[in-house]
């Protein structure tokens, strides 16, 4: 299997595993205000989703105005989402990434991407896909810390746990 497709599928699995865990916790916990990196877990989920959409727009070579509009729209559409709605939104962007990867003949080709506020990035699709997955991993870690701060355990979403679940049916708890 294409390694980047495998990584995006890991990202999807990790987000879904986290959302399923959050659904098992008390209602509304993901909206509880905290003194943390983000004010709520919901805000972290919205951020991950927004950034996933933004990088997709960047890889699609959309204009800076379109990229910014996508970022704003992503945050608006998901700001009051339920956990089930978060799951649907994440599934939608995941399908877009998967189709993108499957339709690219060269994920190694270097391109220039205009990043609003940051300048020009010279990178290939592989680099950007790695960043998307790494970004999600980083923020799922924030959510685990936030859960612990509220007295609840997180759920394992490491890449190794993903491999175990894919190969042996292991379910993290």
Protein backbone atom coordinates (compact mmCIF):
# COMPACT_ATOMS: atom_id res chain seq x y z
CA UNK A 1 0.00 0.00 0.00
CA UNK A 2 1.12 3.56 -0.71
CA UNK A 3 2.91 4.80 2.45
CA UNK A 4 1.17 8.19 2.44
CA UNK A 5 -2.21 6.53 2.04
CA UNK A 6 -1.29 4.37 5.02
CA UNK A 7 -0.40 7.46 7.06
CA UNK A 8 -3.64 9.25 6.17
CA UNK A 9 -5.56 6.11 7.12
CA UNK A 10 -3.71 6.14 10.45
CA UNK A 11 -4.72 9.79 10.95
CA UNK A 12 -8.36 8.86 10.23
CA UNK A 13 -8.20 5.87 12.59
CA UNK A 14 -6.62 7.95 15.37
CA UNK A 15 -9.24 10.70 15.07
CA UNK A 16 -12.06 8.14 15.04
CA UNK A 17 -10.57 6.26 18.01
CA UNK A 18 -10.34 9.52 19.96
CA UNK A 19 -13.89 10.54 19.05
CA UNK A 20 -15.21 7.12 20.09
CA UNK A 21 -13.41 7.49 23.42
CA UNK A 22 -14.87 10.96 23.95
CA UNK A 23 -18.36 9.56 23.28
CA UNK A 24 -17.89 7.18 26.22
CA UNK A 25 -17.16 10.03 28.64
CA UNK A 26 -19.79 12.22 30.33
CA UNK A 27 -21.95 14.28 27.96
CA UNK A 28 -20.55 17.68 27.16
CA UNK A 29 -17.11 16.97 28.64
CA UNK A 30 -15.50 17.93 25.33
CA UNK A 31 -16.99 21.44 25.75
CA UNK A 32 -15.83 21.93 29.35
CA UNK A 33 -13.72 25.08 29.72
CA UNK A 34 -10.12 24.62 30.88
CA UNK A 35 -6.99 26.62 31.45
CA UNK A 36 -4.97 24.77 28.82
CA UNK A 37 -3.49 25.04 25.35
CA UNK A 38 -7.04 25.38 23.97
CA UNK A 39 -10.09 26.42 26.01
CA UNK A 40 -12.00 23.19 25.20
CA UNK A 41 -11.44 19.80 23.60
CA UNK A 42 -14.04 20.86 21.02
CA UNK A 43 -11.77 23.75 20.06
CA UNK A 44 -8.85 21.34 19.53
CA UNK A 45 -10.98 19.08 17.32
CA UNK A 46 -12.13 22.10 15.31
CA UNK A 47 -8.52 23.23 14.94
CA UNK A 48 -7.37 19.82 13.66
CA UNK A 49 -10.24 19.77 11.15
CA UNK A 50 -9.61 23.33 10.01
CA UNK A 51 -5.90 22.70 9.49
CA UNK A 52 -6.61 19.45 7.62
CA UNK A 53 -8.85 21.46 5.27
CA UNK A 54 -6.37 24.31 4.96
CA UNK A 55 -3.48 22.03 3.96
CA UNK A 56 -5.73 20.29 1.45
CA UNK A 57 -6.45 23.70 -0.10
CA UNK A 58 -2.74 24.49 -0.13
CA UNK A 59 -1.89 21.18 -1.85
CA UNK A 60 -4.62 21.93 -4.37
CA UNK A 61 -2.82 25.19 -5.19
CA UNK A 62 -5.80 27.34 -4.34
CA UNK A 63 -5.32 31.10 -4.04
CA UNK A 64 -4.40 32.67 -0.70
CA UNK A 65 -7.89 34.19 -0.54
CA UNK A 66 -9.52 30.78 -1.09
CA UNK A 67 -7.23 29.15 1.48
CA UNK A 68 -8.15 31.78 4.08
CA UNK A 69 -11.85 31.46 3.24
CA UNK A 70 -11.60 27.67 3.58
CA UNK A 71 -9.99 28.03 6.99
CA UNK A 72 -12.67 30.43 8.23
CA UNK A 73 -15.50 28.33 6.76
CA UNK A 74 -14.08 25.14 8.30
CA UNK A 75 -14.01 26.70 11.74
CA UNK A 76 -17.50 28.15 11.37
CA UNK A 77 -19.12 24.95 10.13
CA UNK A 78 -17.70 22.87 12.95
CA UNK A 79 -17.77 25.34 15.85
CA UNK A 80 -20.87 23.86 17.51
CA UNK A 81 -20.49 20.31 16.23
CA UNK A 82 -21.54 17.27 18.20
CA UNK A 83 -19.09 14.40 18.41
CA UNK A 84 -21.06 12.56 15.70
CA UNK A 85 -20.85 15.64 13.48
CA UNK A 86 -17.10 15.90 14.13
CA UNK A 87 -16.82 12.29 13.01
CA UNK A 88 -18.71 13.05 9.78
CA UNK A 89 -16.62 16.15 9.06
CA UNK A 90 -13.38 14.24 9.63
CA UNK A 91 -14.61 11.42 7.36
CA UNK A 92 -15.38 13.95 4.62
CA UNK A 93 -11.92 15.52 4.60
CA UNK A 94 -10.30 12.09 4.92
CA UNK A 95 -12.08 10.94 1.76
CA UNK A 96 -10.77 14.02 -0.05
CA UNK A 97 -7.19 13.26 1.05
CA UNK A 98 -7.48 9.60 0.06
CA UNK A 99 -8.80 10.48 -3.40
CA UNK A 100 -6.07 13.09 -3.81
CA UNK A 101 -3.34 10.59 -2.93
CA UNK A 102 -4.77 7.91 -5.23
CA UNK A 103 -4.98 10.36 -8.14
CA UNK A 104 -1.43 11.73 -7.87
CA UNK A 105 1.17 10.18 -10.13
CA UNK A 106 4.11 11.83 -8.32
CA UNK A 107 3.91 12.59 -4.61
CA UNK A 108 7.62 13.49 -4.64
CA UNK A 109 7.43 16.41 -7.09
CA UNK A 110 8.45 19.69 -5.46
CA UNK A 111 6.02 22.56 -5.74
CA UNK A 112 5.77 26.03 -4.34
CA UNK A 113 2.84 26.82 -2.08
CA UNK A 114 1.85 30.30 -1.08
CA UNK A 115 1.00 30.25 2.61
CA UNK A 116 -1.02 33.18 3.90
CA UNK A 117 1.05 35.15 6.44
CA UNK A 118 4.11 32.89 6.08
CA UNK A 119 5.41 33.19 2.53
CA UNK A 120 6.34 30.48 0.04
CA UNK A 121 6.90 26.86 1.00
CA UNK A 122 8.85 24.59 -1.34
CA UNK A 123 7.80 21.03 -0.55
CA UNK A 124 6.39 17.89 -2.07
CA UNK A 125 3.04 16.28 -1.32
CA UNK A 126 4.72 13.67 0.88
CA UNK A 127 6.11 16.41 3.14
CA UNK A 128 2.73 18.08 3.48
CA UNK A 129 0.91 14.81 4.13
CA UNK A 130 3.47 13.98 6.82
CA UNK A 131 2.85 17.38 8.38
CA UNK A 132 -0.95 16.87 8.40
CA UNK A 133 -0.59 13.54 10.19
CA UNK A 134 2.04 14.88 12.61
CA UNK A 135 -0.10 17.93 13.38
CA UNK A 136 -3.07 15.71 14.25
CA UNK A 137 -0.88 13.53 16.47
CA UNK A 138 0.43 16.57 18.31
CA UNK A 139 -3.05 17.89 19.05
CA UNK A 140 -4.49 14.52 20.00
CA UNK A 141 -1.75 14.60 22.64
CA UNK A 142 -3.09 17.97 23.79
CA UNK A 143 -6.52 16.37 24.16
CA UNK A 144 -5.07 13.53 26.25
CA UNK A 145 -3.44 16.08 28.56
CA UNK A 146 -6.73 18.01 28.79
CA UNK A 147 -8.63 14.82 29.66
CA UNK A 148 -6.12 14.01 32.40
CA UNK A 149 -6.48 17.55 33.72
CA UNK A 150 -10.22 16.85 34.09
CA UNK A 151 -9.61 13.50 35.77
CA UNK A 152 -10.19 11.18 32.80
CA UNK A 153 -7.87 8.84 30.94
CA UNK A 154 -7.00 9.36 27.31
CA UNK A 155 -6.93 6.66 24.68
CA UNK A 156 -3.88 5.27 22.89
CA UNK A 157 -3.69 6.54 19.31
CA UNK A 158 0.00 5.89 18.62
CA UNK A 159 0.99 4.63 15.20
CA UNK A 160 2.13 1.33 16.76
CA UNK A 161 -1.33 0.83 18.30
CA UNK A 162 -2.83 1.52 14.87
CA UNK A 163 -0.63 -1.19 13.35
CA UNK A 164 -1.68 -3.61 16.10
CA UNK A 165 -5.35 -2.84 15.50
CA UNK A 166 -4.99 -3.25 11.75
CA UNK A 167 -3.07 -6.52 11.95
CA UNK A 168 -4.61 -8.22 14.94
CA UNK A 169 -7.89 -6.46 15.66
CA UNK A 170 -6.55 -4.95 18.92
CA UNK A 171 -8.88 -2.24 20.30
CA UNK A 172 -7.30 0.51 22.43
CA UNK A 173 -8.99 1.44 25.68
